Structure formats: structure tokens, C-alpha cells
Amino acid sequence: MSLFDERFLTHRLRATSIAGIAGGILAVVLWFRHYVFEHRWSWELLAIPLTMATVKQGLLLWYRFRD
């Protein structure tokens, strides 16, 4: 018998995914705001969504070729 059932793990996976997507969108919005209104290129804010996208695509390819 497991301490957590599948529903809990599925909900945790969905919540983590949605939180990650929301964080990436927020970083893009903040980067765009700095770029448009302050005419400042913020590499730190741009690095967040780029890293998230790179890791996600890398893991999708990894799981695709490993299964």
C-alpha cells in the first residue's frame, strides 16, 4: 500500500506544470515590459523562459528516445 494514491500524484504533476508555465509567462511579460518601456535588454529575465523551454524540450526528447 502506498502513502499517496495516483490522483494525488497526478494533481501534483498538473499543479507543478501550471506553476512552471505561469512563472515562464511572467518572466516573458516582465522582460517585454523592461524592453518596451525602459528600453533595457534584460538578459536575466530572458534567460528564465529560455532555460525552461530548453529543459522541457530536452526532457521530452530524452523520454521519447528512452521509452
PDB file of N, CA and C in Angstrom:
ATOM      1  N   MET A   1       0.839  -1.182   0.000  1.00  0.00           N
ATOM      2  CA  MET A   1       0.000   0.000   0.000  1.00  0.00           C
ATOM      3  C   MET A   1       0.884   1.246   0.000  1.00  0.00           C
ATOM      4  N   SER A   2       0.541   2.164  -0.833  1.00  0.00           N
ATOM      5  CA  SER A   2       1.314   3.388  -0.991  1.00  0.00           C
ATOM      6  C   SER A   2       0.759   4.496  -0.098  1.00  0.00           C
ATOM      7  N   LEU A   3       1.631   5.385   0.293  1.00  0.00           N
ATOM      8  CA  LEU A   3       1.212   6.515   1.131  1.00  0.00           C
ATOM      9  C   LEU A   3       0.346   7.496   0.339  1.00  0.00           C
ATOM     10  N   PHE A   4       0.648   7.649  -0.970  1.00  0.00           N
ATOM     11  CA  PHE A   4      -0.109   8.561  -1.828  1.00  0.00           C
ATOM     12  C   PHE A   4      -0.743   7.770  -2.965  1.00  0.00           C
ATOM     13  N   ASP A   5      -1.948   8.135  -3.328  1.00  0.00           N
ATOM     14  CA  ASP A   5      -2.586   7.451  -4.453  1.00  0.00           C
ATOM     15  C   ASP A   5      -2.282   8.182  -5.766  1.00  0.00           C
ATOM     16  N   GLU A   6      -2.704   7.592  -6.866  1.00  0.00           N
ATOM     17  CA  GLU A   6      -2.398   8.148  -8.184  1.00  0.00           C
ATOM     18  C   GLU A   6      -3.040   9.513  -8.407  1.00  0.00           C
ATOM     19  N   ARG A   7      -4.197   9.752  -7.853  1.00  0.00           N
ATOM     20  CA  ARG A   7      -4.854  11.056  -8.033  1.00  0.00           C
ATOM     21  C   ARG A   7      -4.016  12.173  -7.439  1.00  0.00           C
ATOM     22  N   PHE A   8      -3.460  11.939  -6.246  1.00  0.00           N
ATOM     23  CA  PHE A   8      -2.614  12.951  -5.625  1.00  0.00           C
ATOM     24  C   PHE A   8      -1.396  13.249  -6.490  1.00  0.00           C
ATOM     25  N   LEU A   9      -0.752  12.202  -7.001  1.00  0.00           N
ATOM     26  CA  LEU A   9       0.434  12.399  -7.824  1.00  0.00           C
ATOM     27  C   LEU A   9       0.095  13.098  -9.142  1.00  0.00           C
ATOM     28  N   THR A  10      -1.058  12.778  -9.722  1.00  0.00           N
ATOM     29  CA  THR A  10      -1.489  13.443 -10.955  1.00  0.00           C
ATOM     30  C   THR A  10      -1.786  14.913 -10.692  1.00  0.00           C
ATOM     31  N   HIS A  11      -2.451  15.206  -9.589  1.00  0.00           N
ATOM     32  CA  HIS A  11      -2.750  16.606  -9.251  1.00  0.00           C
ATOM     33  C   HIS A  11      -1.470  17.378  -8.976  1.00  0.00           C
ATOM     34  N   ARG A  12      -0.518  16.745  -8.313  1.00  0.00           N
ATOM     35  CA  ARG A  12       0.757  17.407  -8.030  1.00  0.00           C
ATOM     36  C   ARG A  12       1.513  17.693  -9.331  1.00  0.00           C
ATOM     37  N   LEU A  13       1.479  16.738 -10.269  1.00  0.00           N
ATOM     38  CA  LEU A  13       2.135  16.930 -11.554  1.00  0.00           C
ATOM     39  C   LEU A  13       1.502  18.086 -12.323  1.00  0.00           C
ATOM     40  N   ARG A  14       0.183  18.122 -12.361  1.00  0.00           N
ATOM     41  CA  ARG A  14      -0.510  19.214 -13.059  1.00  0.00           C
ATOM     42  C   ARG A  14      -0.240  20.560 -12.408  1.00  0.00           C
ATOM     43  N   ALA A  15      -0.292  20.612 -11.083  1.00  0.00           N
ATOM     44  CA  ALA A  15      -0.064  21.877 -10.375  1.00  0.00           C
ATOM     45  C   ALA A  15       1.355  22.384 -10.616  1.00  0.00           C
ATOM     46  N   THR A  16       2.329  21.483 -10.596  1.00  0.00           N
ATOM     47  CA  THR A  16       3.709  21.877 -10.840  1.00  0.00           C
ATOM     48  C   THR A  16       3.877  22.378 -12.269  1.00  0.00           C
ATOM     49  N   SER A  17       3.247  21.704 -13.216  1.00  0.00           N
ATOM     50  CA  SER A  17       3.337  22.123 -14.614  1.00  0.00           C
ATOM     51  C   SER A  17       2.711  23.499 -14.816  1.00  0.00           C
ATOM     52  N   ILE A  18       1.540  23.715 -14.265  1.00  0.00           N
ATOM     53  CA  ILE A  18       0.868  25.008 -14.411  1.00  0.00           C
ATOM     54  C   ILE A  18       1.674  26.114 -13.735  1.00  0.00           C
ATOM     55  N   ALA A  19       2.244  25.823 -12.573  1.00  0.00           N
ATOM     56  CA  ALA A  19       3.061  26.821 -11.875  1.00  0.00           C
ATOM     57  C   ALA A  19       4.297  27.177 -12.695  1.00  0.00           C
ATOM     58  N   GLY A  20       4.922  26.193 -13.319  1.00  0.00           N
ATOM     59  CA  GLY A  20       6.082  26.455 -14.167  1.00  0.00           C
ATOM     60  C   GLY A  20       5.733  27.293 -15.376  1.00  0.00           C
ATOM     61  N   ILE A  21       4.614  26.980 -16.008  1.00  0.00           N
ATOM     62  CA  ILE A  21       4.171  27.751 -17.169  1.00  0.00           C
ATOM     63  C   ILE A  21       3.858  29.187 -16.759  1.00  0.00           C
ATOM     64  N   ALA A  22       3.182  29.360 -15.635  1.00  0.00           N
ATOM     65  CA  ALA A  22       2.854  30.714 -15.160  1.00  0.00           C
ATOM     66  C   ALA A  22       4.126  31.506 -14.855  1.00  0.00           C
ATOM     67  N   GLY A  23       5.112  30.863 -14.256  1.00  0.00           N
ATOM     68  CA  GLY A  23       6.379  31.543 -13.984  1.00  0.00           C
ATOM     69  C   GLY A  23       7.101  31.953 -15.250  1.00  0.00           C
ATOM     70  N   GLY A  24       7.079  31.090 -16.262  1.00  0.00           N
ATOM     71  CA  GLY A  24       7.695  31.420 -17.544  1.00  0.00           C
ATOM     72  C   GLY A  24       6.998  32.570 -18.238  1.00  0.00           C
ATOM     73  N   ILE A  25       5.670  32.552 -18.208  1.00  0.00           N
ATOM     74  CA  ILE A  25       4.899  33.642 -18.820  1.00  0.00           C
ATOM     75  C   ILE A  25       5.173  34.954 -18.097  1.00  0.00           C
ATOM     76  N   LEU A  26       5.229  34.917 -16.780  1.00  0.00           N
ATOM     77  CA  LEU A  26       5.527  36.131 -16.016  1.00  0.00           C
ATOM     78  C   LEU A  26       6.909  36.673 -16.364  1.00  0.00           C
ATOM     79  N   ALA A  27       7.885  35.794 -16.510  1.00  0.00           N
ATOM     80  CA  ALA A  27       9.232  36.247 -16.872  1.00  0.00           C
ATOM     81  C   ALA A  27       9.240  36.899 -18.253  1.00  0.00           C
ATOM     82  N   VAL A  28       8.498  36.326 -19.199  1.00  0.00           N
ATOM     83  CA  VAL A  28       8.424  36.918 -20.541  1.00  0.00           C
ATOM     84  C   VAL A  28       7.744  38.281 -20.495  1.00  0.00           C
ATOM     85  N   VAL A  29       6.657  38.392 -19.731  1.00  0.00           N
ATOM     86  CA  VAL A  29       5.946  39.668 -19.618  1.00  0.00           C
ATOM     87  C   VAL A  29       6.844  40.739 -18.988  1.00  0.00           C
ATOM     88  N   LEU A  30       7.562  40.378 -17.940  1.00  0.00           N
ATOM     89  CA  LEU A  30       8.467  41.340 -17.308  1.00  0.00           C
ATOM     90  C   LEU A  30       9.598  41.736 -18.246  1.00  0.00           C
ATOM     91  N   TRP A  31      10.147  40.767 -18.988  1.00  0.00           N
ATOM     92  CA  TRP A  31      11.199  41.085 -19.953  1.00  0.00           C
ATOM     93  C   TRP A  31      10.674  42.046 -21.017  1.00  0.00           C
ATOM     94  N   PHE A  32       9.479  41.772 -21.532  1.00  0.00           N
ATOM     95  CA  PHE A  32       8.873  42.627 -22.563  1.00  0.00           C
ATOM     96  C   PHE A  32       8.635  44.037 -22.022  1.00  0.00           C
ATOM     97  N   ARG A  33       8.168  44.122 -20.775  1.00  0.00           N
ATOM     98  CA  ARG A  33       7.929  45.431 -20.165  1.00  0.00           C
ATOM     99  C   ARG A  33       9.231  46.229 -20.050  1.00  0.00           C
ATOM    100  N   HIS A  34      10.305  45.580 -19.587  1.00  0.00           N
ATOM    101  CA  HIS A  34      11.599  46.263 -19.495  1.00  0.00           C
ATOM    102  C   HIS A  34      12.077  46.700 -20.877  1.00  0.00           C
ATOM    103  N   TYR A  35      11.889  45.837 -21.854  1.00  0.00           N
ATOM    104  CA  TYR A  35      12.383  46.138 -23.201  1.00  0.00           C
ATOM    105  C   TYR A  35      11.600  47.279 -23.857  1.00  0.00           C
ATOM    106  N   VAL A  36      10.272  47.259 -23.728  1.00  0.00           N
ATOM    107  CA  VAL A  36       9.445  48.250 -24.426  1.00  0.00           C
ATOM    108  C   VAL A  36       9.431  49.590 -23.708  1.00  0.00           C
ATOM    109  N   PHE A  37       9.203  49.572 -22.406  1.00  0.00           N
ATOM    110  CA  PHE A  37       9.008  50.832 -21.685  1.00  0.00           C
ATOM    111  C   PHE A  37      10.295  51.459 -21.173  1.00  0.00           C
ATOM    112  N   GLU A  38      11.269  50.652 -20.805  1.00  0.00           N
ATOM    113  CA  GLU A  38      12.509  51.197 -20.266  1.00  0.00           C
ATOM    114  C   GLU A  38      13.658  51.128 -21.266  1.00  0.00           C
ATOM    115  N   HIS A  39      13.415  50.527 -22.422  1.00  0.00           N
ATOM    116  CA  HIS A  39      14.423  50.375 -23.472  1.00  0.00           C
ATOM    117  C   HIS A  39      15.693  49.729 -22.919  1.00  0.00           C
ATOM    118  N   ARG A  40      15.466  48.694 -22.119  1.00  0.00           N
ATOM    119  CA  ARG A  40      16.582  47.992 -21.484  1.00  0.00           C
ATOM    120  C   ARG A  40      16.460  46.507 -21.787  1.00  0.00           C
ATOM    121  N   TRP A  41      17.535  45.903 -22.273  1.00  0.00           N
ATOM    122  CA  TRP A  41      17.562  44.490 -22.595  1.00  0.00           C
ATOM    123  C   TRP A  41      17.977  43.732 -21.331  1.00  0.00           C
ATOM    124  N   SER A  42      17.064  42.950 -20.771  1.00  0.00           N
ATOM    125  CA  SER A  42      17.329  42.235 -19.521  1.00  0.00           C
ATOM    126  C   SER A  42      17.621  40.767 -19.821  1.00  0.00           C
ATOM    127  N   TRP A  43      18.901  40.421 -19.839  1.00  0.00           N
ATOM    128  CA  TRP A  43      19.293  39.045 -20.128  1.00  0.00           C
ATOM    129  C   TRP A  43      18.848  38.083 -19.047  1.00  0.00           C
ATOM    130  N   GLU A  44      18.807  38.542 -17.800  1.00  0.00           N
ATOM    131  CA  GLU A  44      18.421  37.661 -16.703  1.00  0.00           C
ATOM    132  C   GLU A  44      16.975  37.204 -16.845  1.00  0.00           C
ATOM    133  N   LEU A  45      16.101  38.141 -17.170  1.00  0.00           N
ATOM    134  CA  LEU A  45      14.695  37.769 -17.330  1.00  0.00           C
ATOM    135  C   LEU A  45      14.477  36.924 -18.580  1.00  0.00           C
ATOM    136  N   LEU A  46      15.219  37.178 -19.620  1.00  0.00           N
ATOM    137  CA  LEU A  46      15.083  36.388 -20.836  1.00  0.00           C
ATOM    138  C   LEU A  46      15.639  34.974 -20.651  1.00  0.00           C
ATOM    139  N   ALA A  47      16.621  34.827 -19.788  1.00  0.00           N
ATOM    140  CA  ALA A  47      17.224  33.518 -19.562  1.00  0.00           C
ATOM    141  C   ALA A  47      16.258  32.545 -18.883  1.00  0.00           C
ATOM    142  N   ILE A  48      15.336  33.050 -18.093  1.00  0.00           N
ATOM    143  CA  ILE A  48      14.406  32.166 -17.371  1.00  0.00           C
ATOM    144  C   ILE A  48      13.516  31.380 -18.329  1.00  0.00           C
ATOM    145  N   PRO A  49      12.732  32.030 -19.197  1.00  0.00           N
ATOM    146  CA  PRO A  49      11.889  31.228 -20.099  1.00  0.00           C
ATOM    147  C   PRO A  49      12.697  30.419 -21.114  1.00  0.00           C
ATOM    148  N   LEU A  50      13.854  30.928 -21.546  1.00  0.00           N
ATOM    149  CA  LEU A  50      14.671  30.158 -22.470  1.00  0.00           C
ATOM    150  C   LEU A  50      15.203  28.884 -21.818  1.00  0.00           C
ATOM    151  N   THR A  51      15.603  28.981 -20.562  1.00  0.00           N
ATOM    152  CA  THR A  51      16.055  27.794 -19.839  1.00  0.00           C
ATOM    153  C   THR A  51      14.905  26.813 -19.634  1.00  0.00           C
ATOM    154  N   MET A  52      13.740  27.330 -19.283  1.00  0.00           N
ATOM    155  CA  MET A  52      12.582  26.456 -19.085  1.00  0.00           C
ATOM    156  C   MET A  52      12.229  25.726 -20.372  1.00  0.00           C
ATOM    157  N   ALA A  53      12.217  26.427 -21.483  1.00  0.00           N
ATOM    158  CA  ALA A  53      11.876  25.797 -22.764  1.00  0.00           C
ATOM    159  C   ALA A  53      12.932  24.779 -23.180  1.00  0.00           C
ATOM    160  N   THR A  54      14.195  25.100 -22.970  1.00  0.00           N
ATOM    161  CA  THR A  54      15.270  24.188 -23.344  1.00  0.00           C
ATOM    162  C   THR A  54      15.219  22.904 -22.517  1.00  0.00           C
ATOM    163  N   VAL A  55      15.023  23.041 -21.227  1.00  0.00           N
ATOM    164  CA  VAL A  55      14.945  21.864 -20.359  1.00  0.00           C
ATOM    165  C   VAL A  55      13.732  21.018 -20.713  1.00  0.00           C
ATOM    166  N   LYS A  56      12.591  21.647 -20.936  1.00  0.00           N
ATOM    167  CA  LYS A  56      11.380  20.894 -21.271  1.00  0.00           C
ATOM    168  C   LYS A  56      11.557  20.135 -22.581  1.00  0.00           C
ATOM    169  N   GLN A  57      12.063  20.801 -23.621  1.00  0.00           N
ATOM    170  CA  GLN A  57      12.254  20.127 -24.897  1.00  0.00           C
ATOM    171  C   GLN A  57      13.307  19.028 -24.798  1.00  0.00           C
ATOM    172  N   GLY A  58      14.348  19.280 -24.041  1.00  0.00           N
ATOM    173  CA  GLY A  58      15.371  18.261 -23.844  1.00  0.00           C
ATOM    174  C   GLY A  58      14.825  17.022 -23.149  1.00  0.00           C
ATOM    175  N   LEU A  59      14.025  17.239 -22.118  1.00  0.00           N
ATOM    176  CA  LEU A  59      13.432  16.103 -21.416  1.00  0.00           C
ATOM    177  C   LEU A  59      12.408  15.374 -22.273  1.00  0.00           C
ATOM    178  N   LEU A  60      11.641  16.098 -23.085  1.00  0.00           N
ATOM    179  CA  LEU A  60      10.701  15.440 -23.995  1.00  0.00           C
ATOM    180  C   LEU A  60      11.445  14.543 -24.984  1.00  0.00           C
ATOM    181  N   LEU A  61      12.545  15.027 -25.529  1.00  0.00           N
ATOM    182  CA  LEU A  61      13.336  14.201 -26.438  1.00  0.00           C
ATOM    183  C   LEU A  61      13.966  13.015 -25.717  1.00  0.00           C
ATOM    184  N   TRP A  62      14.465  13.258 -24.513  1.00  0.00           N
ATOM    185  CA  TRP A  62      15.072  12.190 -23.723  1.00  0.00           C
ATOM    186  C   TRP A  62      14.062  11.075 -23.468  1.00  0.00           C
ATOM    187  N   TYR A  63      12.877  11.426 -22.995  1.00  0.00           N
ATOM    188  CA  TYR A  63      11.860  10.415 -22.716  1.00  0.00           C
ATOM    189  C   TYR A  63      11.363   9.744 -23.989  1.00  0.00           C
ATOM    190  N   ARG A  64      11.300  10.493 -25.070  1.00  0.00           N
ATOM    191  CA  ARG A  64      10.845   9.929 -26.343  1.00  0.00           C
ATOM    192  C   ARG A  64      11.783   8.841 -26.845  1.00  0.00           C
ATOM    193  N   PHE A  65      13.083   9.075 -26.750  1.00  0.00           N
ATOM    194  CA  PHE A  65      14.056   8.109 -27.273  1.00  0.00           C
ATOM    195  C   PHE A  65      14.430   7.032 -26.262  1.00  0.00           C
ATOM    196  N   ARG A  66      14.131   7.245 -24.995  1.00  0.00           N
ATOM    197  CA  ARG A  66      14.461   6.243 -23.970  1.00  0.00           C
ATOM    198  C   ARG A  66      13.332   5.230 -23.758  1.00  0.00           C
ATOM    199  N   ASP A  67      12.102   5.588 -24.122  1.00  0.00           N
ATOM    200  CA  ASP A  67      10.979   4.657 -23.942  1.00  0.00           C
ATOM    201  C   ASP A  67      10.758   3.809 -25.173  1.00  0.00           C
TER     202      ASP A  67
END
